[in-house]
């Protein structure tokens, strides 16, 4: 294994080239997995235009729009790391409304937003029909190892020290959930691409030596 420093701009172009060349006649479901401190949404957003330039329509989905209702999410309290780990995100809804219909046997008819956490009710977003060669970029934490059907996965890795340092104080209660994720799932061992982001200004690609 080797770790190759890379600029954010070159990283985006490299990933866009990899993704655009995969299953060019079919839809592609991509996970951009990382804690909030790693800002997976930033990378997913940055990939949109380069992928479109390469001829692939893109749809963005964030797991923050697929939360469970507050009555379920907060049943054990507002700062329970076990609830965050196992009961915060509506994985069934994400699978039903996005990943299954975007799959090879799916209808292509997806819902980009399921739940509006701000008002704690259904988002009432319209369904969208995906083109046959669309790429669906799903960003958020704890995406891997839960049986969700992704065709390609990108994991943003932070050391424990960097994660603690870059997590906002009001979110520090989530840190045990990420320690558990690392210990139980170890996404860095099987994700298609692993990017170290201890310093957000200096990302590094983790590559397995041939």
Protein backbone atom coordinates (compact mmCIF):
# COMPACT_ATOMS: atom_id res chain seq x y z
CA UNK A 1 0.00 0.00 0.00
CA UNK A 2 1.18 3.51 -0.73
CA UNK A 3 -0.26 6.91 0.05
CA UNK A 4 -0.03 9.42 -2.80
CA UNK A 5 -0.55 13.13 -2.04
CA UNK A 6 -2.81 14.78 -4.57
CA UNK A 7 -4.44 18.18 -4.95
CA UNK A 8 -8.20 18.41 -4.55
CA UNK A 9 -8.57 19.56 -8.15
CA UNK A 10 -6.55 16.65 -9.55
CA UNK A 11 -8.41 14.26 -7.26
CA UNK A 12 -11.77 15.42 -8.63
CA UNK A 13 -10.61 15.03 -12.24
CA UNK A 14 -9.16 11.59 -11.51
CA UNK A 15 -12.36 10.37 -9.86
CA UNK A 16 -14.54 11.86 -12.58
CA UNK A 17 -12.55 10.01 -15.24
CA UNK A 18 -12.81 6.74 -13.33
CA UNK A 19 -16.53 7.06 -12.75
CA UNK A 20 -17.44 8.27 -16.24
CA UNK A 21 -15.71 5.26 -17.80
CA UNK A 22 -17.62 2.72 -15.70
CA UNK A 23 -20.82 1.15 -17.01
CA UNK A 24 -21.19 3.91 -19.57
CA UNK A 25 -24.46 2.44 -20.89
CA UNK A 26 -25.98 1.90 -17.44
CA UNK A 27 -26.75 3.87 -14.32
CA UNK A 28 -24.07 3.95 -11.62
CA UNK A 29 -24.74 4.28 -7.87
CA UNK A 30 -21.82 5.89 -6.05
CA UNK A 31 -21.31 6.29 -2.31
CA UNK A 32 -19.20 9.20 -1.06
CA UNK A 33 -18.80 8.08 2.53
CA UNK A 34 -17.37 10.20 5.29
CA UNK A 35 -18.01 11.94 8.58
CA UNK A 36 -19.29 15.50 8.54
CA UNK A 37 -15.75 16.59 9.46
CA UNK A 38 -14.54 15.15 6.14
CA UNK A 39 -17.30 17.00 4.23
CA UNK A 40 -18.27 14.24 1.76
CA UNK A 41 -20.86 16.56 0.23
CA UNK A 42 -18.09 18.89 -0.95
CA UNK A 43 -16.42 16.15 -2.95
CA UNK A 44 -19.70 14.84 -4.33
CA UNK A 45 -20.73 18.35 -5.42
CA UNK A 46 -17.34 18.94 -7.03
CA UNK A 47 -17.77 15.82 -9.16
CA UNK A 48 -21.04 16.94 -10.75
CA UNK A 49 -19.76 19.27 -13.48
CA UNK A 50 -16.70 17.17 -14.48
CA UNK A 51 -18.95 14.14 -14.88
CA UNK A 52 -21.44 16.07 -16.99
CA UNK A 53 -18.61 17.34 -19.19
CA UNK A 54 -17.69 13.69 -19.72
CA UNK A 55 -21.22 12.95 -20.90
CA UNK A 56 -22.75 11.47 -17.75
CA UNK A 57 -25.95 12.96 -16.29
CA UNK A 58 -25.62 13.33 -12.50
CA UNK A 59 -28.07 13.32 -9.62
CA UNK A 60 -27.00 14.33 -6.10
CA UNK A 61 -28.50 12.77 -2.99
CA UNK A 62 -27.52 13.52 0.62
CA UNK A 63 -28.38 11.27 3.53
CA UNK A 64 -29.39 14.37 5.51
CA UNK A 65 -32.53 14.26 3.34
CA UNK A 66 -33.15 10.64 4.35
CA UNK A 67 -33.36 10.91 8.13
CA UNK A 68 -35.88 9.05 10.23
CA UNK A 69 -38.60 11.08 11.97
CA UNK A 70 -37.49 12.84 15.13
CA UNK A 71 -39.75 10.63 17.25
CA UNK A 72 -37.67 7.64 16.15
CA UNK A 73 -34.31 9.34 15.74
CA UNK A 74 -34.31 11.01 19.15
CA UNK A 75 -36.12 8.34 21.14
CA UNK A 76 -32.99 7.66 23.23
CA UNK A 77 -32.11 11.35 23.52
CA UNK A 78 -30.63 14.09 21.37
CA UNK A 79 -27.02 12.97 21.80
CA UNK A 80 -27.00 9.19 21.80
CA UNK A 81 -24.14 7.78 19.67
CA UNK A 82 -25.73 4.33 19.42
CA UNK A 83 -28.90 5.84 17.98
CA UNK A 84 -26.80 7.85 15.55
CA UNK A 85 -25.02 4.69 14.47
CA UNK A 86 -28.05 2.43 14.05
CA UNK A 87 -31.19 4.55 13.93
CA UNK A 88 -30.51 8.01 12.57
CA UNK A 89 -30.70 7.42 8.82
CA UNK A 90 -33.56 5.89 6.90
CA UNK A 91 -31.55 3.28 5.04
CA UNK A 92 -34.70 1.44 3.96
CA UNK A 93 -36.09 4.65 2.45
CA UNK A 94 -32.79 5.38 0.69
CA UNK A 95 -32.76 1.90 -0.77
CA UNK A 96 -36.43 1.95 -1.77
CA UNK A 97 -36.53 5.45 -3.26
CA UNK A 98 -33.04 5.77 -4.74
CA UNK A 99 -30.75 2.76 -4.86
CA UNK A 100 -33.21 0.08 -5.97
CA UNK A 101 -34.85 2.11 -8.76
CA UNK A 102 -31.41 3.35 -9.89
CA UNK A 103 -30.13 -0.23 -10.07
CA UNK A 104 -29.79 -2.37 -13.19
CA UNK A 105 -33.29 -3.81 -12.90
CA UNK A 106 -34.87 -0.66 -11.49
CA UNK A 107 -37.36 1.73 -13.05
CA UNK A 108 -35.02 4.73 -12.88
CA UNK A 109 -37.71 6.72 -11.09
CA UNK A 110 -36.16 8.10 -7.91
CA UNK A 111 -36.93 10.49 -5.09
CA UNK A 112 -34.02 12.82 -4.33
CA UNK A 113 -35.36 13.96 -0.94
CA UNK A 114 -37.54 11.91 1.38
CA UNK A 115 -37.60 13.77 4.71
CA UNK A 116 -37.35 17.44 5.66
CA UNK A 117 -35.71 17.33 9.08
CA UNK A 118 -36.20 21.07 9.58
CA UNK A 119 -39.96 20.68 9.83
CA UNK A 120 -39.90 16.94 10.60
CA UNK A 121 -42.19 15.79 7.81
CA UNK A 122 -42.04 14.29 4.35
CA UNK A 123 -40.16 16.52 1.91
CA UNK A 124 -42.89 16.20 -0.74
CA UNK A 125 -40.31 16.30 -3.48
CA UNK A 126 -41.35 15.15 -6.95
CA UNK A 127 -40.07 11.93 -8.45
CA UNK A 128 -37.39 12.21 -11.11
CA UNK A 129 -36.75 9.88 -14.04
CA UNK A 130 -33.06 9.11 -14.45
CA UNK A 131 -31.44 8.79 -17.87
CA UNK A 132 -30.15 5.31 -18.63
CA UNK A 133 -26.50 6.36 -18.14
CA UNK A 134 -26.99 8.57 -15.07
CA UNK A 135 -24.64 8.60 -12.11
CA UNK A 136 -26.23 8.94 -8.67
CA UNK A 137 -23.85 10.43 -6.10
CA UNK A 138 -24.94 9.71 -2.53
CA UNK A 139 -22.99 11.52 0.19
CA UNK A 140 -23.08 11.09 3.94
CA UNK A 141 -21.65 9.22 6.93
CA UNK A 142 -21.85 5.52 7.78
CA UNK A 143 -22.87 4.52 4.25
CA UNK A 144 -20.84 1.36 3.88
CA UNK A 145 -21.22 -2.05 5.46
CA UNK A 146 -24.99 -1.73 5.95
CA UNK A 147 -26.02 -3.73 2.90
CA UNK A 148 -26.85 -0.70 0.74
CA UNK A 149 -26.48 -1.41 -2.97
CA UNK A 150 -23.72 0.78 -4.36
CA UNK A 151 -21.78 0.06 -7.54
CA UNK A 152 -18.78 2.15 -6.49
CA UNK A 153 -17.67 3.49 -3.13
CA UNK A 154 -15.40 6.34 -2.07
CA UNK A 155 -14.40 6.51 1.58
CA UNK A 156 -12.98 9.67 3.14
CA UNK A 157 -10.72 8.56 5.95
CA UNK A 158 -9.73 10.60 8.98
CA UNK A 159 -7.47 9.54 11.82
CA UNK A 160 -9.12 9.50 15.24
CA UNK A 161 -7.17 12.62 16.21
CA UNK A 162 -8.13 14.52 13.04
CA UNK A 163 -11.76 13.49 13.37
CA UNK A 164 -11.91 14.71 16.96
CA UNK A 165 -10.11 17.93 16.08
CA UNK A 166 -12.32 18.79 13.12
CA UNK A 167 -15.68 17.74 14.55
CA UNK A 168 -17.71 20.69 15.80
CA UNK A 169 -18.13 20.74 19.60
CA UNK A 170 -21.89 20.36 19.31
CA UNK A 171 -21.38 17.15 17.31
CA UNK A 172 -18.68 15.62 19.51
CA UNK A 173 -21.23 13.16 20.88
CA UNK A 174 -21.15 11.35 17.50
CA UNK A 175 -17.46 10.43 17.84
CA UNK A 176 -18.10 7.05 19.56
CA UNK A 177 -20.31 6.09 16.60
CA UNK A 178 -17.45 6.72 14.18
CA UNK A 179 -15.03 4.77 16.35
CA UNK A 180 -17.50 1.90 16.26
CA UNK A 181 -17.84 2.24 12.47
CA UNK A 182 -14.08 1.99 12.06
CA UNK A 183 -13.83 -1.01 14.38
CA UNK A 184 -16.84 -2.97 13.14
CA UNK A 185 -17.04 -2.06 9.46
CA UNK A 186 -13.48 -0.94 8.58
CA UNK A 187 -14.63 0.75 5.34
CA UNK A 188 -11.05 1.61 4.41
CA UNK A 189 -10.42 -2.09 3.78
CA UNK A 190 -12.97 -2.54 0.99
CA UNK A 191 -14.00 0.82 -0.47
CA UNK A 192 -13.10 1.19 -4.15
CA UNK A 193 -11.27 4.44 -3.41
CA UNK A 194 -9.89 5.57 -0.06
CA UNK A 195 -8.85 9.19 0.44
CA UNK A 196 -7.03 10.35 3.54
CA UNK A 197 -8.14 13.79 4.62
CA UNK A 198 -6.36 14.48 7.88
CA UNK A 199 -5.41 17.80 6.30
CA UNK A 200 -8.28 18.92 4.04
CA UNK A 201 -5.84 21.04 2.03
CA UNK A 202 -3.68 17.99 1.25
CA UNK A 203 -5.77 14.95 0.38
CA UNK A 204 -3.98 11.69 -0.31
CA UNK A 205 -5.03 8.66 -2.31
CA UNK A 206 -4.45 5.32 -0.61
CA UNK A 207 -3.40 2.86 -3.27
CA UNK A 208 -2.80 -0.87 -3.01
CA UNK A 209 0.57 -1.76 -4.46
CA UNK A 210 0.45 -4.29 -7.34
